[in-house]
Amino acid sequence: MSTKQQVLTLLRHSGAIFSGEKLAQEIGVSRTAIWKAVRELEKMGYIIQRHANGYQYLPSDVLENTAIGQTHLPSEHIFLMDETESTMKVAKLAALNQQEAPALYIAETQTGGHGRFGRPFFSPKGQIYMSLLLNPNQSFEELPQYTLLAAVAVSLAIDEVTGRKTDIKWVNDIYLDGKKICGILSEATSDFEAGRISHVILGMGINFSIPPETFPDGLEKKASSLFPDGKPTVSRNQLIQLIWQNFFELLDGLPDNSYLKVYREKSFVLGKTVSFVQQGVTYSGIAKEISDTGELLVETSIGLKNLSSGEISLQTIG
C-alpha cells in the first residue's frame, strides 16, 4: 500500500486529528513524505482539514472502485476515469479488446456523452457517468430486458438513499418531482455467425448534485438532480454500489418477472395520452400497458400500437 493510501486509511478510519509526526511514525516514513501524500490526496478531491496540531479527514465524495465493488462486480473490474468522451465508447473498445465481463467504466465527466438517438447529454463534473459491459452470449430472444432491469435498479436505489419516490418514463428515463434526473442507454453487439449477442453495454448518466442555475437555458425546467442544494446525504460510491447490487439481484432472480410489476407501478405514462412518431407518422393515443417484453401498448384511433424502444420517441405526455 502506498504512503498516500496509508495516510488516507489512518485519517479516514479514525476521524481524529493526526500530527504529521505521528503519521510518519505510524507508517515509517519522513514527515516530508506525509506532507506530499496529503497534497496528493487533496488533488484527488479528498478533504483534509489542516489544524495547528495536525491533519483531519472530512467526508469526501471521491469515486473509489474498492467502495463500489461487490460479489458480482469485483473492484478490479471497475475502471475510473477523470474525463472521457463517453463511457459507452470506452466500454465498446473494451469489448473489442476482449475485456472480461462484467466490467464497469465510470468517469467524473464526459466531453461527448449522448442519450438515445444521439441526443447530447449535459455532463458537468462530479455527477455519475458509467457504462456496464456484459457478455451474455445469448440469442436475442433469450436476452433479459436489460433496460427495464436497469431502470428498476436505479429507481429503487434512488428511492432508498433519498427517501423519495422516483418515476419511470418509458422506456429509459428516471424522473424525480416531475423532472428528469437519469437517462439509460443500452446497446448490443452480435456474432452473426453464431447467431448470439456477444456484448451488451448499459450506459447511465445520473444528475447527482447540480445547482438549478447551472443547467443550460431551458433545461432547468425539464431536468434536476438528486441533491440540487449541494448537500448530498450519501456518497456517489454508495449509490453506484446499490444500483448494481439491485441490478444483479434482479438478474439472478430471472425468469421471475417481478421487476416488471415494479416497473409498471413506477410508470407515469400508463393511463395518459401520449403522442409518438413511428415511421415518419405522428400518432396519439392512451398508453394502456407495458408488455412482458417491454413494449408500450398504446390505444390509438386506428387500433392498438405496440411500441418498442428502438423505433419511437415519446413526444408529449398529457
Protein backbone atom coordinates (compact mmCIF):
# COMPACT_ATOMS: atom_id res chain seq x y z
CA MET A 1 0.00 0.00 0.00
CA SER A 2 1.36 3.40 -0.97
CA THR A 3 2.10 6.13 1.58
CA LYS A 4 -0.84 8.07 0.20
CA GLN A 5 -3.22 5.15 0.77
CA GLN A 6 -1.87 4.51 4.25
CA VAL A 7 -2.35 8.15 5.24
CA LEU A 8 -5.91 8.08 3.86
CA THR A 9 -6.72 4.87 5.73
CA LEU A 10 -5.42 6.17 9.05
CA LEU A 11 -7.15 9.53 8.80
CA ARG A 12 -10.46 8.25 7.46
CA HIS A 13 -10.91 5.31 9.82
CA SER A 14 -10.07 7.24 12.97
CA GLY A 15 -11.65 10.61 12.20
CA ALA A 16 -9.19 12.05 14.72
CA ILE A 17 -6.53 14.71 14.23
CA PHE A 18 -3.14 13.17 13.43
CA SER A 19 0.02 15.20 13.62
CA GLY A 20 2.47 14.84 10.74
CA GLU A 21 4.96 13.37 13.19
CA LYS A 22 2.54 10.69 14.43
CA LEU A 23 1.55 9.75 10.88
CA ALA A 24 5.22 9.47 9.93
CA GLN A 25 5.88 7.19 12.92
CA GLU A 26 2.84 5.01 12.23
CA ILE A 27 3.73 4.50 8.58
CA GLY A 28 7.50 4.57 8.89
CA VAL A 29 8.27 7.42 6.51
CA SER A 30 9.51 11.00 6.78
CA ARG A 31 7.29 13.97 7.62
CA THR A 32 8.06 15.34 4.15
CA ALA A 33 6.60 12.15 2.66
CA ILE A 34 3.45 12.69 4.77
CA TRP A 35 3.13 16.28 3.56
CA LYS A 36 3.45 15.14 -0.07
CA ALA A 37 0.90 12.37 0.47
CA VAL A 38 -1.63 14.83 1.91
CA ARG A 39 -1.11 17.16 -1.04
CA GLU A 40 -1.72 14.27 -3.46
CA LEU A 41 -4.91 13.28 -1.63
CA GLU A 42 -6.17 16.87 -1.78
CA LYS A 43 -5.52 16.96 -5.54
CA MET A 44 -7.62 13.79 -5.87
CA GLY A 45 -10.54 15.55 -4.21
CA TYR A 46 -10.25 14.32 -0.63
CA ILE A 47 -10.94 16.96 2.01
CA ILE A 48 -8.14 17.03 4.56
CA GLN A 49 -8.55 19.75 7.14
CA ARG A 50 -5.32 21.24 8.42
CA HIS A 51 -5.17 22.11 12.12
CA ALA A 52 -2.35 23.63 14.15
CA ASN A 53 -1.73 20.18 15.63
CA GLY A 54 -2.21 18.02 12.52
CA TYR A 55 -4.48 16.71 9.79
CA GLN A 56 -8.11 15.55 9.94
CA TYR A 57 -10.15 13.73 7.27
CA LEU A 58 -13.56 15.20 6.41
CA PRO A 59 -16.25 13.35 4.42
CA SER A 60 -15.18 13.41 0.77
CA ASP A 61 -17.06 12.20 -2.30
CA VAL A 62 -14.25 10.67 -4.33
CA LEU A 63 -15.04 7.71 -6.56
CA GLU A 64 -13.31 4.53 -5.38
CA ASN A 65 -13.55 1.13 -7.02
CA THR A 66 -12.98 -0.62 -3.69
CA ALA A 67 -16.07 1.10 -2.27
CA ILE A 68 -18.19 0.12 -5.28
CA GLY A 69 -17.01 -3.44 -5.82
CA GLN A 70 -19.16 -6.40 -4.82
CA THR A 71 -19.64 -10.13 -5.42
CA HIS A 72 -20.92 -9.78 -8.98
CA LEU A 73 -18.65 -6.86 -9.84
CA PRO A 74 -15.18 -7.15 -8.27
CA SER A 75 -13.27 -3.93 -7.71
CA GLU A 76 -10.58 -4.93 -10.21
CA HIS A 77 -13.27 -4.86 -12.91
CA ILE A 78 -14.21 -1.26 -12.09
CA PHE A 79 -12.28 1.37 -14.04
CA LEU A 80 -12.30 5.03 -13.01
CA MET A 81 -11.51 7.96 -15.28
CA ASP A 82 -11.32 11.67 -14.64
CA GLU A 83 -12.52 12.57 -18.13
CA THR A 84 -13.52 10.71 -21.27
CA GLU A 85 -15.51 11.40 -24.40
CA SER A 86 -18.07 8.75 -23.45
CA THR A 87 -18.03 5.78 -21.09
CA MET A 88 -20.07 3.91 -23.72
CA LYS A 89 -17.22 4.31 -26.20
CA VAL A 90 -14.71 3.14 -23.61
CA ALA A 91 -16.83 0.06 -22.89
CA LYS A 92 -17.19 -0.69 -26.63
CA LEU A 93 -13.42 -0.55 -27.06
CA ALA A 94 -13.00 -2.81 -24.04
CA ALA A 95 -15.39 -5.32 -25.63
CA LEU A 96 -13.30 -5.34 -28.82
CA ASN A 97 -10.23 -5.98 -26.67
CA GLN A 98 -11.96 -8.98 -25.03
CA GLN A 99 -12.21 -7.41 -21.58
CA GLU A 100 -13.54 -9.91 -19.05
CA ALA A 101 -17.13 -9.07 -18.14
CA PRO A 102 -18.89 -7.73 -16.23
CA ALA A 103 -16.80 -4.58 -16.20
CA LEU A 104 -17.83 -1.08 -15.15
CA TYR A 105 -16.42 2.18 -16.52
CA ILE A 106 -17.03 5.38 -14.57
CA ALA A 107 -15.99 8.94 -15.43
CA GLU A 108 -16.06 12.19 -13.49
CA THR A 109 -17.10 13.99 -16.66
CA GLN A 110 -17.77 13.30 -20.34
CA THR A 111 -16.95 15.54 -23.28
CA GLY A 112 -19.23 13.76 -25.75
CA GLY A 113 -21.91 11.97 -23.77
CA HIS A 114 -25.17 11.22 -25.56
CA GLY A 115 -28.53 9.62 -24.99
CA ARG A 116 -30.92 7.82 -27.33
CA PHE A 117 -30.93 8.87 -30.99
CA GLY A 118 -27.61 10.64 -30.45
CA ARG A 119 -29.05 13.44 -28.32
CA PRO A 120 -26.28 15.31 -26.42
CA PHE A 121 -26.16 14.70 -22.67
CA PHE A 122 -25.28 17.55 -20.31
CA SER A 123 -22.28 16.19 -18.40
CA PRO A 124 -20.88 18.53 -15.72
CA LYS A 125 -18.12 17.25 -13.47
CA GLY A 126 -18.93 15.41 -10.26
CA GLN A 127 -22.06 13.54 -11.33
CA ILE A 128 -22.38 9.82 -12.22
CA TYR A 129 -21.49 8.68 -15.73
CA MET A 130 -20.99 4.96 -16.10
CA SER A 131 -21.30 2.06 -18.52
CA LEU A 132 -21.53 -1.62 -17.65
CA LEU A 133 -20.12 -4.18 -20.08
CA LEU A 134 -21.83 -7.58 -20.08
CA ASN A 135 -21.09 -10.71 -22.08
CA PRO A 136 -24.41 -12.60 -22.19
CA ASN A 137 -23.64 -14.94 -25.11
CA GLN A 138 -27.35 -15.49 -25.71
CA SER A 139 -29.67 -15.27 -28.67
CA PHE A 140 -31.68 -12.07 -28.98
CA GLU A 141 -34.84 -13.93 -27.94
CA GLU A 142 -33.13 -15.17 -24.76
CA LEU A 143 -31.88 -11.76 -23.65
CA PRO A 144 -33.34 -10.30 -20.45
CA GLN A 145 -34.98 -6.88 -20.60
CA TYR A 146 -31.75 -5.16 -19.58
CA THR A 147 -33.04 -1.60 -19.99
CA LEU A 148 -36.08 -2.27 -17.83
CA LEU A 149 -33.99 -4.12 -15.24
CA ALA A 150 -31.56 -1.20 -15.10
CA ALA A 151 -34.37 1.35 -14.77
CA VAL A 152 -35.89 -0.54 -11.83
CA ALA A 153 -32.46 -0.99 -10.19
CA VAL A 154 -31.69 2.74 -10.43
CA SER A 155 -35.15 3.86 -9.38
CA LEU A 156 -35.22 1.64 -6.29
CA ALA A 157 -31.69 2.67 -5.31
CA ILE A 158 -32.51 6.38 -5.53
CA ASP A 159 -35.73 5.85 -3.56
CA GLU A 160 -33.73 4.13 -0.81
CA VAL A 161 -30.97 6.71 -0.47
CA THR A 162 -33.20 9.79 -0.76
CA GLY A 163 -36.39 8.59 0.94
CA ARG A 164 -38.34 9.99 -2.02
CA LYS A 165 -40.26 8.31 -4.84
CA THR A 166 -38.94 8.27 -8.38
CA ASP A 167 -40.98 7.60 -11.52
CA ILE A 168 -40.01 5.92 -14.79
CA LYS A 169 -40.79 7.45 -18.16
CA TRP A 170 -40.99 4.61 -20.66
CA VAL A 171 -38.59 3.30 -21.53
CA ASN A 172 -35.36 4.54 -20.04
CA ASP A 173 -35.63 7.82 -18.11
CA ILE A 174 -35.90 8.29 -14.34
CA TYR A 175 -37.84 11.26 -13.00
CA LEU A 176 -38.00 12.88 -9.58
CA ASP A 177 -40.62 15.53 -8.77
CA GLY A 178 -41.56 15.73 -12.45
CA LYS A 179 -38.03 16.35 -13.73
CA LYS A 180 -35.52 14.03 -15.39
CA ILE A 181 -32.57 13.01 -13.23
CA CYS A 182 -31.27 9.94 -15.06
CA GLY A 183 -31.05 8.58 -18.59
CA ILE A 184 -30.24 4.99 -19.51
CA LEU A 185 -28.86 3.77 -22.84
CA SER A 186 -28.40 0.14 -23.91
CA GLU A 187 -26.54 -1.19 -26.95
CA ALA A 188 -25.75 -4.71 -28.08
CA THR A 189 -23.28 -6.29 -30.49
CA SER A 190 -23.91 -9.64 -32.13
CA ASP A 191 -21.92 -12.51 -33.52
CA PHE A 192 -23.74 -13.13 -36.82
CA GLU A 193 -22.08 -16.48 -37.48
CA ALA A 194 -23.09 -17.87 -34.09
CA GLY A 195 -26.40 -16.03 -34.01
CA ARG A 196 -25.65 -14.82 -30.47
CA ILE A 197 -25.48 -11.45 -28.71
CA SER A 198 -21.85 -11.22 -27.71
CA HIS A 199 -21.87 -8.00 -25.69
CA VAL A 200 -24.40 -5.69 -24.07
CA ILE A 201 -23.45 -2.25 -22.77
CA LEU A 202 -25.67 -0.34 -20.33
CA GLY A 203 -24.86 3.35 -20.03
CA MET A 204 -26.22 5.68 -17.34
CA GLY A 205 -25.99 9.35 -16.65
CA ILE A 206 -27.28 10.41 -13.24
CA ASN A 207 -27.54 14.03 -12.13
CA PHE A 208 -26.26 13.70 -8.58
CA SER A 209 -25.86 17.25 -7.31
CA ILE A 210 -26.31 20.15 -9.73
CA PRO A 211 -27.47 23.63 -8.69
CA PRO A 212 -30.53 24.52 -10.84
CA GLU A 213 -28.93 27.75 -12.08
CA THR A 214 -26.03 25.85 -13.70
CA PHE A 215 -28.21 23.97 -16.19
CA PRO A 216 -28.20 25.31 -19.77
CA ASP A 217 -31.02 27.75 -20.52
CA GLY A 218 -34.35 25.96 -20.63
CA LEU A 219 -33.03 22.63 -19.39
CA GLU A 220 -33.61 23.51 -15.74
CA LYS A 221 -37.36 23.33 -16.46
CA LYS A 222 -37.04 19.70 -17.57
CA ALA A 223 -34.12 18.35 -15.58
CA SER A 224 -32.95 18.32 -11.98
CA SER A 225 -30.62 16.36 -9.71
CA LEU A 226 -30.88 14.22 -6.60
CA PHE A 227 -29.38 16.86 -4.36
CA PRO A 228 -29.81 20.27 -6.04
CA ASP A 229 -28.99 22.04 -2.78
CA GLY A 230 -25.43 20.69 -2.92
CA LYS A 231 -25.81 18.75 0.33
CA PRO A 232 -25.84 15.02 -0.54
CA THR A 233 -26.84 12.68 2.27
CA VAL A 234 -24.97 9.76 0.65
CA SER A 235 -21.85 9.42 -1.45
CA ARG A 236 -21.78 8.60 -5.13
CA ASN A 237 -19.92 5.40 -4.23
CA GLN A 238 -22.84 4.27 -2.06
CA LEU A 239 -25.43 4.97 -4.75
CA ILE A 240 -23.42 3.29 -7.52
CA GLN A 241 -22.82 0.22 -5.35
CA LEU A 242 -26.52 -0.07 -4.54
CA ILE A 243 -27.60 0.36 -8.17
CA TRP A 244 -25.52 -2.56 -9.40
CA GLN A 245 -26.32 -4.65 -6.35
CA ASN A 246 -30.00 -4.22 -7.22
CA PHE A 247 -29.35 -4.92 -10.89
CA PHE A 248 -27.50 -8.20 -10.37
CA GLU A 249 -30.01 -9.37 -7.77
CA LEU A 250 -32.82 -8.78 -10.29
CA LEU A 251 -30.77 -10.58 -12.95
CA ASP A 252 -30.17 -13.53 -10.63
CA GLY A 253 -33.90 -13.69 -9.91
CA LEU A 254 -34.88 -14.31 -13.54
CA PRO A 255 -37.05 -15.79 -15.00
CA ASP A 256 -39.14 -14.28 -12.19
CA ASN A 257 -40.56 -11.13 -13.76
CA SER A 258 -41.50 -9.38 -10.51
CA TYR A 259 -39.35 -6.43 -11.61
CA LEU A 260 -41.96 -5.76 -14.31
CA LYS A 261 -44.55 -5.17 -11.60
CA VAL A 262 -42.30 -2.53 -10.06
CA TYR A 263 -41.61 -1.01 -13.49
CA ARG A 264 -45.34 -0.74 -14.23
CA GLU A 265 -46.12 0.71 -10.80
CA LYS A 266 -43.45 3.38 -11.31
CA SER A 267 -44.51 4.27 -14.85
CA PHE A 268 -46.05 7.71 -15.14
CA VAL A 269 -47.21 7.26 -18.75
CA LEU A 270 -49.73 4.46 -18.23
CA GLY A 271 -53.28 5.71 -18.47
CA LYS A 272 -52.19 9.01 -20.00
CA THR A 273 -52.41 10.43 -23.51
CA VAL A 274 -49.12 10.17 -25.40
CA SER A 275 -48.04 11.08 -28.90
CA PHE A 276 -45.20 9.48 -30.79
CA VAL A 277 -43.62 9.24 -34.21
CA GLN A 278 -43.48 5.88 -35.95
CA GLN A 279 -42.07 5.52 -39.46
CA GLY A 280 -42.48 9.25 -40.04
CA VAL A 281 -46.14 9.37 -38.99
CA THR A 282 -47.31 11.05 -35.77
CA TYR A 283 -49.86 9.14 -33.71
CA SER A 284 -51.66 9.93 -30.46
CA GLY A 285 -53.43 7.66 -28.01
CA ILE A 286 -53.78 6.31 -24.47
CA ALA A 287 -50.85 4.34 -23.01
CA LYS A 288 -52.61 1.15 -21.91
CA GLU A 289 -49.99 -1.37 -20.86
CA ILE A 290 -46.33 -2.36 -20.76
CA SER A 291 -45.90 -5.87 -22.09
CA ASP A 292 -43.68 -8.58 -20.64
CA THR A 293 -41.17 -7.82 -23.40
CA GLY A 294 -41.07 -4.12 -22.52
CA GLU A 295 -43.28 -2.78 -25.29
CA LEU A 296 -45.63 0.12 -24.64
CA LEU A 297 -49.14 -0.64 -25.87
CA VAL A 298 -50.98 2.50 -27.00
CA GLU A 299 -54.65 2.60 -27.99
CA THR A 300 -54.93 4.95 -30.98
CA SER A 301 -57.84 5.90 -33.26
CA ILE A 302 -56.71 3.21 -35.73
CA GLY A 303 -56.17 0.49 -33.15
CA LEU A 304 -53.58 -0.77 -30.70
CA LYS A 305 -49.96 0.15 -31.40
CA ASN A 306 -47.07 -1.83 -29.94
CA LEU A 307 -44.09 0.47 -29.42
CA SER A 308 -40.57 -0.83 -28.93
CA SER A 309 -37.74 1.30 -27.60
CA GLY A 310 -35.82 1.23 -30.86
CA GLU A 311 -38.43 2.72 -33.18
CA ILE A 312 -40.16 5.57 -31.41
CA SER A 313 -39.62 8.57 -29.21
CA LEU A 314 -42.41 9.86 -26.99
CA GLN A 315 -43.29 13.40 -27.98
CA THR A 316 -45.77 14.53 -25.34
CA ILE A 317 -47.44 13.18 -22.22
CA GLY A 318 -50.79 14.70 -21.29
